[in-house]
Amino acid sequence: IQFWTKVGSRNENDQNRGIAHIFEHIWFKGTPTQPVGSFDKKVAASGGYANAMTGQDFTAFYVMIPSENFEEVLALMADLFRNQLFDEKEIAKEKEVILEEQNIVLNDPMMLTDHKFAQLLFKKHPYRHPILGYKDTIKGNMPDAIREFYKTWYVPNNMNLIVVGDVSKERVVKAAQKLLGNIKTKELTETNIPEEPEQKQMRYKVETKKGIENTYAAIGFRICNFRSPDWYAMRVLVQILDGSENSRIQRELVQDKQIISSSQTFFVPLLDYGAIETLIVVQPGKENEAAQAVLDEFNRFKDEYVSDEELDSAKKQLQAGYALQQEEIAMQGVDIGRWWTAGNFEKQPQYIEDIFKVTKEDIMKAAKKYLTQPTIFMLKPEE
C-alpha cells in the first residue's frame, strides 16, 4: 500500500527548506487513537514493514503487509493522514534525527560532492536545495508551519493511493471509498517556481575538505525533464556511458587507463528539469586529467554514432534491470508513483517499448542538444 503526494523539496521556500522531509518523519507519530509507535507495532505484528521517502517532486508513504490485513492497515493509514497530532515533543525528536542526517551528508565526501554539484548546476530553481533542508530552517520549522504545509498539500486531488499485490481492484475501491471517500478536495496553491536561466558557459568550482585522501568530482549537465520525448535517448546514452562494468567509463577510464579509481553516473529525471551526473573518485593530482577524460566521453556522443553493439547491449541491460525491478511488489508501486508524479503515467506501460525505439541518431541529436555546457564540482583534500 503506497500513498504518494505531489509535494517535495521543489515546493518549499527559503524559510521552510526541509519541511516536506520533516512531515515524512512525523507521519508515523500517532493520532488521538494511535499512540506513538502503535502503527509500526501493528504492521510488524502482521509480518509487514512501513517506511517513507521524500524526493524533490514527491513524498511517499508505504507499507508491505499480507493481503488479508489490507483493510485493517489501510484504515490505520487513513487515520494517520486525517488525524495527525503534530506533537511538539515528537517533532523536536525528529528534527534531531534530521540534523544528524545532515551531519552524515556533510561528513561523507561523496554525498557532499553531490550536494555541492546540485547547487552549482541550478542557480535559481529549488532543485539546488537539499531535501534535508538546512540546519537553521529545520530548527525554524515549528508545528504550526508543518500543520499548514500538511493542510496545503495533503489533499485528495494531490495524492494517489497505489496498491500492488494479491488484492482485487473491487476490494481496493470499496475500502478506499469507505475510508477516504469523504475527504474534501481543495484548490492547490500554485508554487512560484523560478525559471532556471540558460547556462551559457561551463561552471567549475573547487572546494577543500579536511580528513579526505582522494579528490571527489561531479561532472554533469542539466537535461530534459521526465515528460520529454528526449528522455529515452538520454537514458540509453547514460547506460552506454556508465551503466555496467562494460560501459565506456568503466572499461576505458577505470579498468584500462586507470585514470579514475571509481565512477558512478546518475540519471535524474525530475518534473521540471533532469540531470546527468558522473561522480568520480581520483587520486590528488589526477583530477583535471580525469575530469577532461569524462568530458571527452560525453563529447563522443556528439561527435560519433554509438555502435550497433553498444546500442543493442544497453537496451537489453535496461530491459533486464527493469524486469528485475518489477519482480518486487514494492518497486512496482514506486515505479507507478514516479510516472504519476511526472504527469505521464499513461507512458509507463510502454517504457521498455519506447527504449527499444531509440536509434543512434536519436542519441546523437539529444547529446548535441543537452551536452553543451558542463558543470564540474571538485572536493579536494585540504593541504
Protein backbone atom coordinates (compact mmCIF):
# COMPACT_ATOMS: atom_id res chain seq x y z
CA ILE A 1 0.00 0.00 0.00
CA GLN A 2 1.53 3.33 -1.02
CA PHE A 3 0.33 6.90 -0.62
CA TRP A 4 2.04 9.32 -3.00
CA THR A 5 1.70 13.09 -2.75
CA LYS A 6 2.92 15.59 -5.35
CA VAL A 7 4.92 17.66 -2.90
CA GLY A 8 8.62 17.65 -2.15
CA SER A 9 11.56 19.98 -1.71
CA ARG A 10 10.55 21.64 -5.00
CA ASN A 11 7.51 23.16 -3.23
CA GLU A 12 9.39 24.68 -0.31
CA ASN A 13 10.62 28.24 0.18
CA ASP A 14 13.67 29.82 1.77
CA GLN A 15 12.01 29.91 5.18
CA ASN A 16 10.90 26.26 5.36
CA ARG A 17 13.55 24.24 3.46
CA GLY A 18 13.30 20.62 4.59
CA ILE A 19 9.69 20.79 5.76
CA ALA A 20 8.48 18.08 3.34
CA HIS A 21 11.02 15.69 4.83
CA ILE A 22 10.06 16.67 8.38
CA PHE A 23 6.46 15.69 7.67
CA GLU A 24 7.64 12.36 6.27
CA HIS A 25 9.25 11.71 9.67
CA ILE A 26 6.33 12.75 11.85
CA TRP A 27 3.67 10.95 9.80
CA PHE A 28 4.27 7.83 11.89
CA LYS A 29 4.00 9.71 15.18
CA GLY A 30 0.46 8.92 16.12
CA THR A 31 -3.12 10.19 16.24
CA PRO A 32 -5.65 10.51 19.09
CA THR A 33 -6.47 6.82 18.61
CA GLN A 34 -2.97 5.60 17.71
CA PRO A 35 -0.27 6.23 20.33
CA VAL A 36 3.27 6.83 19.10
CA GLY A 37 4.75 3.56 17.86
CA SER A 38 1.49 1.62 17.72
CA PHE A 39 1.23 1.77 13.91
CA ASP A 40 4.68 0.26 13.45
CA LYS A 41 3.94 -2.43 16.02
CA LYS A 42 0.64 -3.42 14.35
CA VAL A 43 2.26 -3.56 10.91
CA ALA A 44 5.18 -5.60 12.26
CA ALA A 45 2.80 -7.95 14.09
CA SER A 46 1.17 -8.77 10.75
CA GLY A 47 4.57 -9.65 9.30
CA GLY A 48 4.96 -6.39 7.39
CA TYR A 49 7.00 -3.21 7.49
CA ALA A 50 6.48 0.50 6.94
CA ASN A 51 8.67 3.28 5.59
CA ALA A 52 8.56 6.59 3.72
CA MET A 53 10.66 8.68 1.35
CA THR A 54 10.88 12.28 0.21
CA GLY A 55 12.08 13.46 -3.19
CA GLN A 56 12.31 16.77 -4.98
CA ASP A 57 8.83 16.29 -6.51
CA PHE A 58 7.06 13.85 -4.19
CA THR A 59 6.61 12.35 -0.74
CA ALA A 60 5.58 8.71 -0.42
CA PHE A 61 4.49 6.53 2.50
CA TYR A 62 4.30 2.78 2.10
CA VAL A 63 3.70 -0.49 3.90
CA MET A 64 4.22 -4.09 2.88
CA ILE A 65 1.71 -6.44 4.50
CA PRO A 66 -0.11 -9.76 3.92
CA SER A 67 -3.17 -9.17 1.76
CA GLU A 68 -5.56 -10.40 4.47
CA ASN A 69 -4.62 -7.34 6.54
CA PHE A 70 -5.28 -4.86 3.73
CA GLU A 71 -8.47 -3.20 5.07
CA GLU A 72 -7.17 -3.03 8.63
CA VAL A 73 -3.87 -1.37 7.67
CA LEU A 74 -5.47 0.97 5.13
CA ALA A 75 -7.78 2.16 7.94
CA LEU A 76 -4.75 2.88 10.13
CA MET A 77 -3.02 4.76 7.31
CA ALA A 78 -6.15 6.78 6.60
CA ASP A 79 -6.29 7.70 10.27
CA LEU A 80 -2.66 8.87 10.16
CA PHE A 81 -3.44 11.16 7.25
CA ARG A 82 -6.64 12.57 8.66
CA ASN A 83 -5.80 12.98 12.35
CA GLN A 84 -2.17 13.93 12.75
CA LEU A 85 -1.26 15.20 16.23
CA PHE A 86 1.72 17.38 15.29
CA ASP A 87 3.06 16.80 18.79
CA GLU A 88 5.81 19.31 19.63
CA LYS A 89 7.91 16.78 21.55
CA GLU A 90 7.81 14.25 18.73
CA ILE A 91 8.59 16.93 16.14
CA ALA A 92 11.57 18.05 18.22
CA LYS A 93 12.85 14.46 18.36
CA GLU A 94 12.57 14.03 14.61
CA LYS A 95 14.31 17.34 13.99
CA GLU A 96 17.31 15.99 15.91
CA VAL A 97 17.26 12.88 13.75
CA ILE A 98 17.22 15.02 10.59
CA LEU A 99 20.03 17.25 11.86
CA GLU A 100 22.10 14.12 12.37
CA GLU A 101 21.25 13.03 8.82
CA GLN A 102 22.57 16.40 7.65
CA ASN A 103 25.81 15.81 9.56
CA ILE A 104 26.22 12.47 7.80
CA VAL A 105 25.93 14.21 4.41
CA LEU A 106 28.40 16.94 5.38
CA ASN A 107 30.93 14.37 6.59
CA ASP A 108 30.59 11.99 3.63
CA PRO A 109 32.71 13.36 0.76
CA MET A 110 30.69 11.61 -1.96
CA MET A 111 27.35 12.84 -0.63
CA LEU A 112 28.76 16.31 -0.03
CA THR A 113 30.08 16.46 -3.61
CA ASP A 114 26.65 15.51 -4.93
CA HIS A 115 25.03 18.24 -2.81
CA LYS A 116 27.51 20.90 -3.95
CA PHE A 117 27.08 19.84 -7.58
CA ALA A 118 23.32 20.44 -7.39
CA GLN A 119 23.92 23.93 -6.00
CA LEU A 120 26.24 24.66 -8.92
CA LEU A 121 24.02 23.07 -11.58
CA PHE A 122 20.92 25.05 -10.56
CA LYS A 123 21.21 28.74 -9.81
CA LYS A 124 17.57 29.64 -9.08
CA HIS A 125 15.42 26.51 -9.22
CA PRO A 126 14.67 24.82 -5.86
CA TYR A 127 16.32 21.61 -7.12
CA ARG A 128 19.53 23.28 -5.96
CA HIS A 129 18.48 22.87 -2.32
CA PRO A 130 18.92 19.64 -0.32
CA ILE A 131 15.85 17.56 0.50
CA LEU A 132 17.08 17.51 4.11
CA GLY A 133 16.98 21.31 4.26
CA TYR A 134 19.47 23.36 6.25
CA LYS A 135 20.19 23.43 9.96
CA ASP A 136 18.58 26.83 10.51
CA THR A 137 15.44 26.02 8.51
CA ILE A 138 14.98 22.64 10.22
CA LYS A 139 15.25 24.29 13.63
CA GLY A 140 12.89 27.05 12.49
CA ASN A 141 10.08 24.84 11.20
CA MET A 142 7.55 24.99 14.03
CA PRO A 143 4.48 22.72 14.46
CA ASP A 144 2.10 25.39 13.14
CA ALA A 145 4.14 25.73 9.93
CA ILE A 146 4.25 21.96 9.48
CA ARG A 147 0.50 21.72 10.06
CA GLU A 148 -0.15 24.43 7.46
CA PHE A 149 2.14 22.69 4.96
CA TYR A 150 0.19 19.47 5.53
CA LYS A 151 -3.19 21.19 5.03
CA THR A 152 -1.98 22.83 1.84
CA TRP A 153 -0.64 19.77 0.03
CA TYR A 154 -2.12 16.62 1.57
CA VAL A 155 -5.48 16.77 -0.19
CA PRO A 156 -7.15 14.10 -2.37
CA ASN A 157 -6.61 15.91 -5.67
CA ASN A 158 -2.85 15.97 -4.96
CA MET A 159 -2.50 12.38 -3.78
CA ASN A 160 -2.56 8.89 -5.21
CA LEU A 161 -3.29 5.60 -3.49
CA ILE A 162 -1.30 2.79 -5.11
CA VAL A 163 -1.97 -0.82 -4.20
CA VAL A 164 0.00 -3.69 -5.71
CA GLY A 165 -0.38 -7.37 -4.86
CA ASP A 166 -2.84 -10.13 -4.18
CA VAL A 167 -5.94 -7.96 -3.81
CA SER A 168 -8.71 -7.23 -6.29
CA LYS A 169 -9.47 -3.83 -7.76
CA GLU A 170 -13.03 -4.08 -6.40
CA ARG A 171 -11.75 -4.69 -2.89
CA VAL A 172 -9.36 -1.72 -3.07
CA VAL A 173 -12.00 0.66 -4.43
CA LYS A 174 -14.55 -0.40 -1.82
CA ALA A 175 -12.14 0.12 1.07
CA ALA A 176 -10.79 3.41 -0.32
CA GLN A 177 -14.27 4.85 -0.79
CA LYS A 178 -15.25 3.85 2.73
CA LEU A 179 -12.13 5.19 4.44
CA LEU A 180 -11.10 8.10 2.21
CA GLY A 181 -14.10 8.93 0.05
CA ASN A 182 -15.49 11.78 2.13
CA ILE A 183 -12.27 13.82 2.31
CA LYS A 184 -12.87 17.09 0.53
CA THR A 185 -10.68 18.28 -2.32
CA LYS A 186 -9.06 21.69 -2.14
CA GLU A 187 -7.76 24.13 -4.69
CA LEU A 188 -4.00 23.76 -4.76
CA THR A 189 -1.69 26.64 -4.04
CA GLU A 190 0.49 27.35 -7.06
CA THR A 191 4.15 27.12 -6.14
CA ASN A 192 6.14 30.02 -7.54
CA ILE A 193 8.98 28.12 -9.20
CA PRO A 194 11.65 30.42 -10.68
CA GLU A 195 12.72 29.53 -14.20
CA GLU A 196 16.29 28.35 -14.42
CA PRO A 197 18.36 30.66 -16.64
CA GLU A 198 20.11 29.26 -19.69
CA GLN A 199 23.62 28.02 -18.91
CA LYS A 200 25.87 29.76 -21.45
CA GLN A 201 29.27 28.59 -20.23
CA MET A 202 30.95 25.88 -18.20
CA ARG A 203 30.52 26.10 -14.44
CA TYR A 204 33.53 25.00 -12.40
CA LYS A 205 34.16 25.13 -8.67
CA VAL A 206 36.72 23.62 -6.30
CA GLU A 207 36.49 23.29 -2.52
CA THR A 208 38.70 21.53 0.01
CA LYS A 209 37.90 19.31 2.97
CA LYS A 210 39.94 18.07 5.90
CA GLY A 211 40.34 14.35 6.51
CA ILE A 212 39.96 13.04 2.96
CA GLU A 213 42.72 11.42 0.93
CA ASN A 214 41.21 11.43 -2.57
CA THR A 215 39.59 14.03 -4.78
CA TYR A 216 35.86 13.66 -5.40
CA ALA A 217 34.42 15.22 -8.53
CA ALA A 218 30.98 15.56 -10.11
CA ILE A 219 30.74 16.22 -13.83
CA GLY A 220 27.39 16.64 -15.50
CA PHE A 221 24.72 18.52 -17.38
CA ARG A 222 21.19 19.82 -16.91
CA ILE A 223 18.93 17.94 -19.33
CA CYS A 224 15.28 17.39 -20.23
CA ASN A 225 12.54 16.57 -17.76
CA PHE A 226 10.73 13.26 -17.33
CA ARG A 227 8.00 14.14 -19.83
CA SER A 228 10.29 15.00 -22.73
CA PRO A 229 10.48 12.55 -25.67
CA ASP A 230 14.28 13.03 -25.50
CA TRP A 231 14.23 11.29 -22.11
CA TYR A 232 14.52 7.81 -23.65
CA ALA A 233 17.55 8.63 -25.77
CA MET A 234 19.28 10.20 -22.78
CA ARG A 235 18.52 7.13 -20.66
CA VAL A 236 20.16 4.84 -23.21
CA LEU A 237 23.10 7.26 -23.52
CA VAL A 238 23.76 7.05 -19.77
CA GLN A 239 23.61 3.26 -19.89
CA ILE A 240 26.27 3.19 -22.63
CA LEU A 241 28.36 5.78 -20.78
CA ASP A 242 28.49 4.24 -17.31
CA GLY A 243 25.67 1.78 -16.76
CA SER A 244 27.57 -1.51 -16.49
CA GLU A 245 31.03 -2.97 -15.97
CA ASN A 246 31.46 -2.97 -19.74
CA SER A 247 30.34 0.64 -20.21
CA ARG A 248 32.66 3.25 -21.69
CA ILE A 249 33.80 4.92 -18.46
CA GLN A 250 34.21 1.66 -16.56
CA ARG A 251 36.05 -0.10 -19.36
CA GLU A 252 38.29 2.69 -20.60
CA LEU A 253 38.85 5.06 -17.67
CA VAL A 254 38.57 2.79 -14.62
CA GLN A 255 39.87 -0.56 -15.90
CA ASP A 256 42.17 0.15 -18.87
CA LYS A 257 43.71 3.59 -18.35
CA GLN A 258 43.08 3.59 -14.57
CA ILE A 259 42.67 7.38 -14.53
CA ILE A 260 39.70 7.04 -12.18
CA SER A 261 39.52 4.93 -9.02
CA SER A 262 35.74 4.59 -9.18
CA SER A 263 32.78 6.08 -11.01
CA GLN A 264 29.00 6.07 -10.93
CA THR A 265 26.70 8.04 -13.18
CA PHE A 266 23.24 9.13 -12.07
CA PHE A 267 20.37 9.78 -14.44
CA VAL A 268 17.95 12.04 -12.57
CA PRO A 269 14.60 12.60 -14.33
CA LEU A 270 12.53 15.18 -12.50
CA LEU A 271 9.36 17.19 -13.03
CA ASP A 272 10.88 20.45 -14.28
CA TYR A 273 14.41 19.51 -15.34
CA GLY A 274 16.60 16.46 -15.40
CA ALA A 275 20.29 15.93 -14.73
CA ILE A 276 23.14 13.63 -15.65
CA GLU A 277 25.85 13.47 -13.01
CA THR A 278 29.03 11.41 -13.12
CA LEU A 279 30.61 11.10 -9.66
CA ILE A 280 34.25 10.02 -9.68
CA VAL A 281 36.99 9.37 -7.14
CA VAL A 282 40.56 10.13 -8.24
CA GLN A 283 43.99 10.45 -6.68
CA PRO A 284 45.10 14.04 -5.95
CA GLY A 285 46.94 15.47 -8.90
CA LYS A 286 44.95 13.49 -11.45
CA GLU A 287 41.65 15.32 -11.08
CA ASN A 288 41.99 17.60 -14.10
CA GLU A 289 43.05 14.74 -16.36
CA ALA A 290 40.18 12.62 -15.04
CA ALA A 291 37.56 15.36 -15.47
CA GLN A 292 38.71 16.00 -19.03
CA ALA A 293 38.61 12.28 -19.79
CA VAL A 294 34.99 12.11 -18.58
CA LEU A 295 34.10 15.18 -20.65
CA ASP A 296 35.73 13.55 -23.67
CA GLU A 297 33.44 10.55 -23.19
CA PHE A 298 30.40 12.84 -23.06
CA ASN A 299 31.58 14.65 -26.20
CA ARG A 300 31.97 11.39 -28.11
CA PHE A 301 28.18 11.08 -28.17
CA LYS A 302 28.04 14.38 -30.08
CA ASP A 303 30.87 13.58 -32.47
CA GLU A 304 30.26 9.95 -33.42
CA TYR A 305 27.40 7.49 -33.50
CA VAL A 306 27.30 4.76 -30.88
CA SER A 307 27.93 1.30 -32.29
CA ASP A 308 25.09 -1.11 -33.05
CA GLU A 309 26.56 -3.48 -30.48
CA GLU A 310 26.62 -0.84 -27.74
CA LEU A 311 23.08 0.28 -28.56
CA ASP A 312 21.66 -3.23 -28.52
CA SER A 313 23.50 -4.15 -25.33
CA ALA A 314 22.35 -1.02 -23.48
CA LYS A 315 18.71 -1.61 -24.39
CA LYS A 316 18.86 -5.24 -23.25
CA GLN A 317 20.55 -4.20 -19.99
CA LEU A 318 17.80 -1.67 -19.29
CA GLN A 319 15.15 -4.26 -20.13
CA ALA A 320 16.71 -6.83 -17.80
CA GLY A 321 17.13 -4.31 -15.00
CA TYR A 322 13.53 -3.16 -15.31
CA ALA A 323 12.26 -6.75 -15.32
CA LEU A 324 14.27 -7.48 -12.18
CA GLN A 325 12.88 -4.37 -10.52
CA GLN A 326 9.31 -5.36 -11.40
CA GLU A 327 9.74 -8.65 -9.53
CA GLU A 328 9.48 -6.69 -6.29
CA ILE A 329 5.95 -5.63 -5.41
CA ALA A 330 7.14 -2.50 -3.60
CA MET A 331 9.19 -1.39 -6.61
CA GLN A 332 6.20 -1.84 -8.90
CA GLY A 333 4.38 0.70 -6.75
CA VAL A 334 7.36 3.06 -6.71
CA ASP A 335 7.57 2.89 -10.50
CA ILE A 336 3.88 3.77 -10.84
CA GLY A 337 4.28 6.59 -8.32
CA ARG A 338 7.20 8.18 -10.15
CA TRP A 339 5.40 8.14 -13.52
CA TRP A 340 2.26 9.56 -11.88
CA THR A 341 4.27 12.32 -10.22
CA ALA A 342 5.75 13.30 -13.58
CA GLY A 343 2.29 13.59 -15.08
CA ASN A 344 2.77 10.99 -17.82
CA PHE A 345 1.55 7.82 -16.15
CA GLU A 346 0.00 6.65 -19.44
CA LYS A 347 3.55 6.17 -20.78
CA GLN A 348 4.61 3.78 -18.02
CA PRO A 349 3.32 0.52 -19.56
CA GLN A 350 5.28 1.10 -22.78
CA TYR A 351 8.55 2.24 -21.16
CA ILE A 352 10.68 -0.62 -22.47
CA GLU A 353 8.98 -0.50 -25.86
CA ASP A 354 9.95 3.19 -26.13
CA ILE A 355 13.51 2.42 -25.02
CA PHE A 356 13.84 -0.09 -27.87
CA LYS A 357 12.68 2.56 -30.35
CA VAL A 358 15.75 4.72 -29.61
CA THR A 359 18.17 4.98 -32.54
CA LYS A 360 21.81 6.02 -32.72
CA GLU A 361 20.60 9.16 -34.49
CA ASP A 362 18.30 9.94 -31.55
CA ILE A 363 21.22 9.67 -29.14
CA MET A 364 23.48 11.98 -31.15
CA LYS A 365 20.67 14.52 -31.60
CA ALA A 366 19.90 14.54 -27.86
CA ALA A 367 23.60 14.74 -26.97
CA LYS A 368 24.08 17.78 -29.20
CA LYS A 369 21.02 19.39 -27.62
CA TYR A 370 21.82 18.82 -23.94
CA LEU A 371 25.54 18.04 -23.54
CA THR A 372 26.68 21.56 -24.29
CA GLN A 373 27.88 23.43 -21.19
CA PRO A 374 29.17 21.14 -18.43
CA THR A 375 29.08 21.72 -14.70
CA ILE A 376 32.05 20.46 -12.67
CA PHE A 377 32.48 20.44 -8.91
CA MET A 378 35.59 19.10 -7.17
CA LEU A 379 36.22 18.37 -3.50
CA LYS A 380 39.96 18.12 -2.85
CA PRO A 381 41.93 17.16 0.26
CA GLU A 382 42.93 20.16 2.31
CA GLU A 383 46.71 20.56 2.20
